[in-house]
């Protein structure tokens, strides 16, 4: 593994983790609106599209910035899954 390859993997991993944190933060804000009236479910569903677009644009930026986009995207997806798993598990422990 060369230095450039390692850099792309680290870049993709951290970018994926940042995208997961942003996605879950926006999801939490949308879920907080569920109890605030009749438009809560609509706000949650309408908020899903911008969250998806934001995450996809983030991954497209990762692919565009990396010289080897395949490696960066795989690392980004792993970072996204890792961060989501860790954040959800932590939230479940705190909620008990």
C-alpha atoms as a PDB file:
ATOM      1  CA  UNK A   1       0.000   0.000   0.000  1.00  0.00           C
ATOM      2  CA  UNK A   2       1.428   3.346  -1.007  1.00  0.00           C
ATOM      3  CA  UNK A   3       1.091   6.616   0.834  1.00  0.00           C
ATOM      4  CA  UNK A   4      -1.436   7.882  -1.729  1.00  0.00           C
ATOM      5  CA  UNK A   5      -3.598   4.781  -1.325  1.00  0.00           C
ATOM      6  CA  UNK A   6      -3.488   5.046   2.463  1.00  0.00           C
ATOM      7  CA  UNK A   7      -4.402   8.718   2.225  1.00  0.00           C
ATOM      8  CA  UNK A   8      -7.392   7.954   0.044  1.00  0.00           C
ATOM      9  CA  UNK A   9      -8.580   5.281   2.428  1.00  0.00           C
ATOM     10  CA  UNK A  10      -8.262   7.595   5.426  1.00  0.00           C
ATOM     11  CA  UNK A  11      -9.938  10.449   3.515  1.00  0.00           C
ATOM     12  CA  UNK A  12     -12.817   8.199   2.481  1.00  0.00           C
ATOM     13  CA  UNK A  13     -13.212   6.765   5.981  1.00  0.00           C
ATOM     14  CA  UNK A  14     -13.379  10.164   7.679  1.00  0.00           C
ATOM     15  CA  UNK A  15     -15.620  11.619   4.976  1.00  0.00           C
ATOM     16  CA  UNK A  16     -18.037   8.701   5.367  1.00  0.00           C
ATOM     17  CA  UNK A  17     -18.058   9.114   9.136  1.00  0.00           C
ATOM     18  CA  UNK A  18     -18.760  12.843   8.791  1.00  0.00           C
ATOM     19  CA  UNK A  19     -21.593  12.173   6.335  1.00  0.00           C
ATOM     20  CA  UNK A  20     -23.133   9.631   8.720  1.00  0.00           C
ATOM     21  CA  UNK A  21     -22.965  12.075  11.623  1.00  0.00           C
ATOM     22  CA  UNK A  22     -24.579  14.792   9.504  1.00  0.00           C
ATOM     23  CA  UNK A  23     -27.271  12.395   8.285  1.00  0.00           C
ATOM     24  CA  UNK A  24     -28.161  11.257  11.800  1.00  0.00           C
ATOM     25  CA  UNK A  25     -28.139  14.819  13.139  1.00  0.00           C
ATOM     26  CA  UNK A  26     -30.636  15.886  10.467  1.00  0.00           C
ATOM     27  CA  UNK A  27     -32.711  12.748  11.083  1.00  0.00           C
ATOM     28  CA  UNK A  28     -32.840  13.540  14.792  1.00  0.00           C
ATOM     29  CA  UNK A  29     -34.017  17.088  14.075  1.00  0.00           C
ATOM     30  CA  UNK A  30     -36.755  15.764  11.793  1.00  0.00           C
ATOM     31  CA  UNK A  31     -37.806  13.114  14.317  1.00  0.00           C
ATOM     32  CA  UNK A  32     -38.073  15.767  17.033  1.00  0.00           C
ATOM     33  CA  UNK A  33     -40.823  17.413  14.977  1.00  0.00           C
ATOM     34  CA  UNK A  34     -42.952  14.259  15.008  1.00  0.00           C
ATOM     35  CA  UNK A  35     -44.727  15.190  18.223  1.00  0.00           C
ATOM     36  CA  UNK A  36     -45.400  18.798  17.229  1.00  0.00           C
ATOM     37  CA  UNK A  37     -48.689  18.467  15.398  1.00  0.00           C
ATOM     38  CA  UNK A  38     -50.239  16.837  12.378  1.00  0.00           C
ATOM     39  CA  UNK A  39     -47.451  17.783   9.960  1.00  0.00           C
ATOM     40  CA  UNK A  40     -44.782  15.855  11.877  1.00  0.00           C
ATOM     41  CA  UNK A  41     -44.880  12.738   9.701  1.00  0.00           C
ATOM     42  CA  UNK A  42     -44.907  14.872   6.578  1.00  0.00           C
ATOM     43  CA  UNK A  43     -41.872  16.765   7.801  1.00  0.00           C
ATOM     44  CA  UNK A  44     -40.082  13.478   8.448  1.00  0.00           C
ATOM     45  CA  UNK A  45     -40.890  12.150   4.978  1.00  0.00           C
ATOM     46  CA  UNK A  46     -40.097  15.418   3.215  1.00  0.00           C
ATOM     47  CA  UNK A  47     -36.834  15.638   5.104  1.00  0.00           C
ATOM     48  CA  UNK A  48     -35.769  12.226   3.801  1.00  0.00           C
ATOM     49  CA  UNK A  49     -35.170  13.491   0.270  1.00  0.00           C
ATOM     50  CA  UNK A  50     -32.781  16.338   1.213  1.00  0.00           C
ATOM     51  CA  UNK A  51     -30.896  14.018   3.578  1.00  0.00           C
ATOM     52  CA  UNK A  52     -30.473  11.460   0.805  1.00  0.00           C
ATOM     53  CA  UNK A  53     -29.395  14.126  -1.693  1.00  0.00           C
ATOM     54  CA  UNK A  54     -26.898  15.554   0.797  1.00  0.00           C
ATOM     55  CA  UNK A  55     -25.329  12.153   1.486  1.00  0.00           C
ATOM     56  CA  UNK A  56     -25.180  11.261  -2.221  1.00  0.00           C
ATOM     57  CA  UNK A  57     -23.619  14.643  -3.030  1.00  0.00           C
ATOM     58  CA  UNK A  58     -21.045  14.034  -0.296  1.00  0.00           C
ATOM     59  CA  UNK A  59     -20.111  10.671  -1.744  1.00  0.00           C
ATOM     60  CA  UNK A  60     -19.952  12.198  -5.237  1.00  0.00           C
ATOM     61  CA  UNK A  61     -17.562  14.836  -3.879  1.00  0.00           C
ATOM     62  CA  UNK A  62     -15.418  12.102  -2.312  1.00  0.00           C
ATOM     63  CA  UNK A  63     -15.288  10.292  -5.659  1.00  0.00           C
ATOM     64  CA  UNK A  64     -14.483  13.517  -7.488  1.00  0.00           C
ATOM     65  CA  UNK A  65     -11.653  14.540  -5.172  1.00  0.00           C
ATOM     66  CA  UNK A  66      -9.888  11.186  -4.944  1.00  0.00           C
ATOM     67  CA  UNK A  67      -7.447  10.027  -7.639  1.00  0.00           C
ATOM     68  CA  UNK A  68      -8.722   6.468  -7.103  1.00  0.00           C
ATOM     69  CA  UNK A  69     -12.445   6.985  -6.495  1.00  0.00           C
ATOM     70  CA  UNK A  70     -13.205   3.288  -6.033  1.00  0.00           C
ATOM     71  CA  UNK A  71     -10.984   2.990  -2.978  1.00  0.00           C
ATOM     72  CA  UNK A  72     -12.240   6.246  -1.503  1.00  0.00           C
ATOM     73  CA  UNK A  73     -15.891   5.251  -1.992  1.00  0.00           C
ATOM     74  CA  UNK A  74     -15.440   1.826  -0.420  1.00  0.00           C
ATOM     75  CA  UNK A  75     -13.681   3.426   2.551  1.00  0.00           C
ATOM     76  CA  UNK A  76     -16.400   6.086   2.701  1.00  0.00           C
ATOM     77  CA  UNK A  77     -19.166   3.499   2.795  1.00  0.00           C
ATOM     78  CA  UNK A  78     -17.320   1.587   5.522  1.00  0.00           C
ATOM     79  CA  UNK A  79     -16.899   4.795   7.518  1.00  0.00           C
ATOM     80  CA  UNK A  80     -20.583   5.649   7.043  1.00  0.00           C
ATOM     81  CA  UNK A  81     -21.687   2.220   8.263  1.00  0.00           C
ATOM     82  CA  UNK A  82     -19.247   2.246  11.170  1.00  0.00           C
ATOM     83  CA  UNK A  83     -20.287   5.706  12.370  1.00  0.00           C
ATOM     84  CA  UNK A  84     -24.008   4.925  12.067  1.00  0.00           C
ATOM     85  CA  UNK A  85     -23.582   1.703  14.017  1.00  0.00           C
ATOM     86  CA  UNK A  86     -21.587   3.362  16.782  1.00  0.00           C
ATOM     87  CA  UNK A  87     -23.921   6.352  17.079  1.00  0.00           C
ATOM     88  CA  UNK A  88     -27.091   4.230  17.116  1.00  0.00           C
ATOM     89  CA  UNK A  89     -25.672   1.848  19.723  1.00  0.00           C
ATOM     90  CA  UNK A  90     -24.641   4.759  21.904  1.00  0.00           C
ATOM     91  CA  UNK A  91     -28.065   6.348  21.579  1.00  0.00           C
ATOM     92  CA  UNK A  92     -29.739   3.066  22.532  1.00  0.00           C
ATOM     93  CA  UNK A  93     -27.590   2.769  25.661  1.00  0.00           C
ATOM     94  CA  UNK A  94     -28.321   6.346  26.697  1.00  0.00           C
ATOM     95  CA  UNK A  95     -32.070   5.872  26.071  1.00  0.00           C
ATOM     96  CA  UNK A  96     -32.366   2.989  28.515  1.00  0.00           C
END
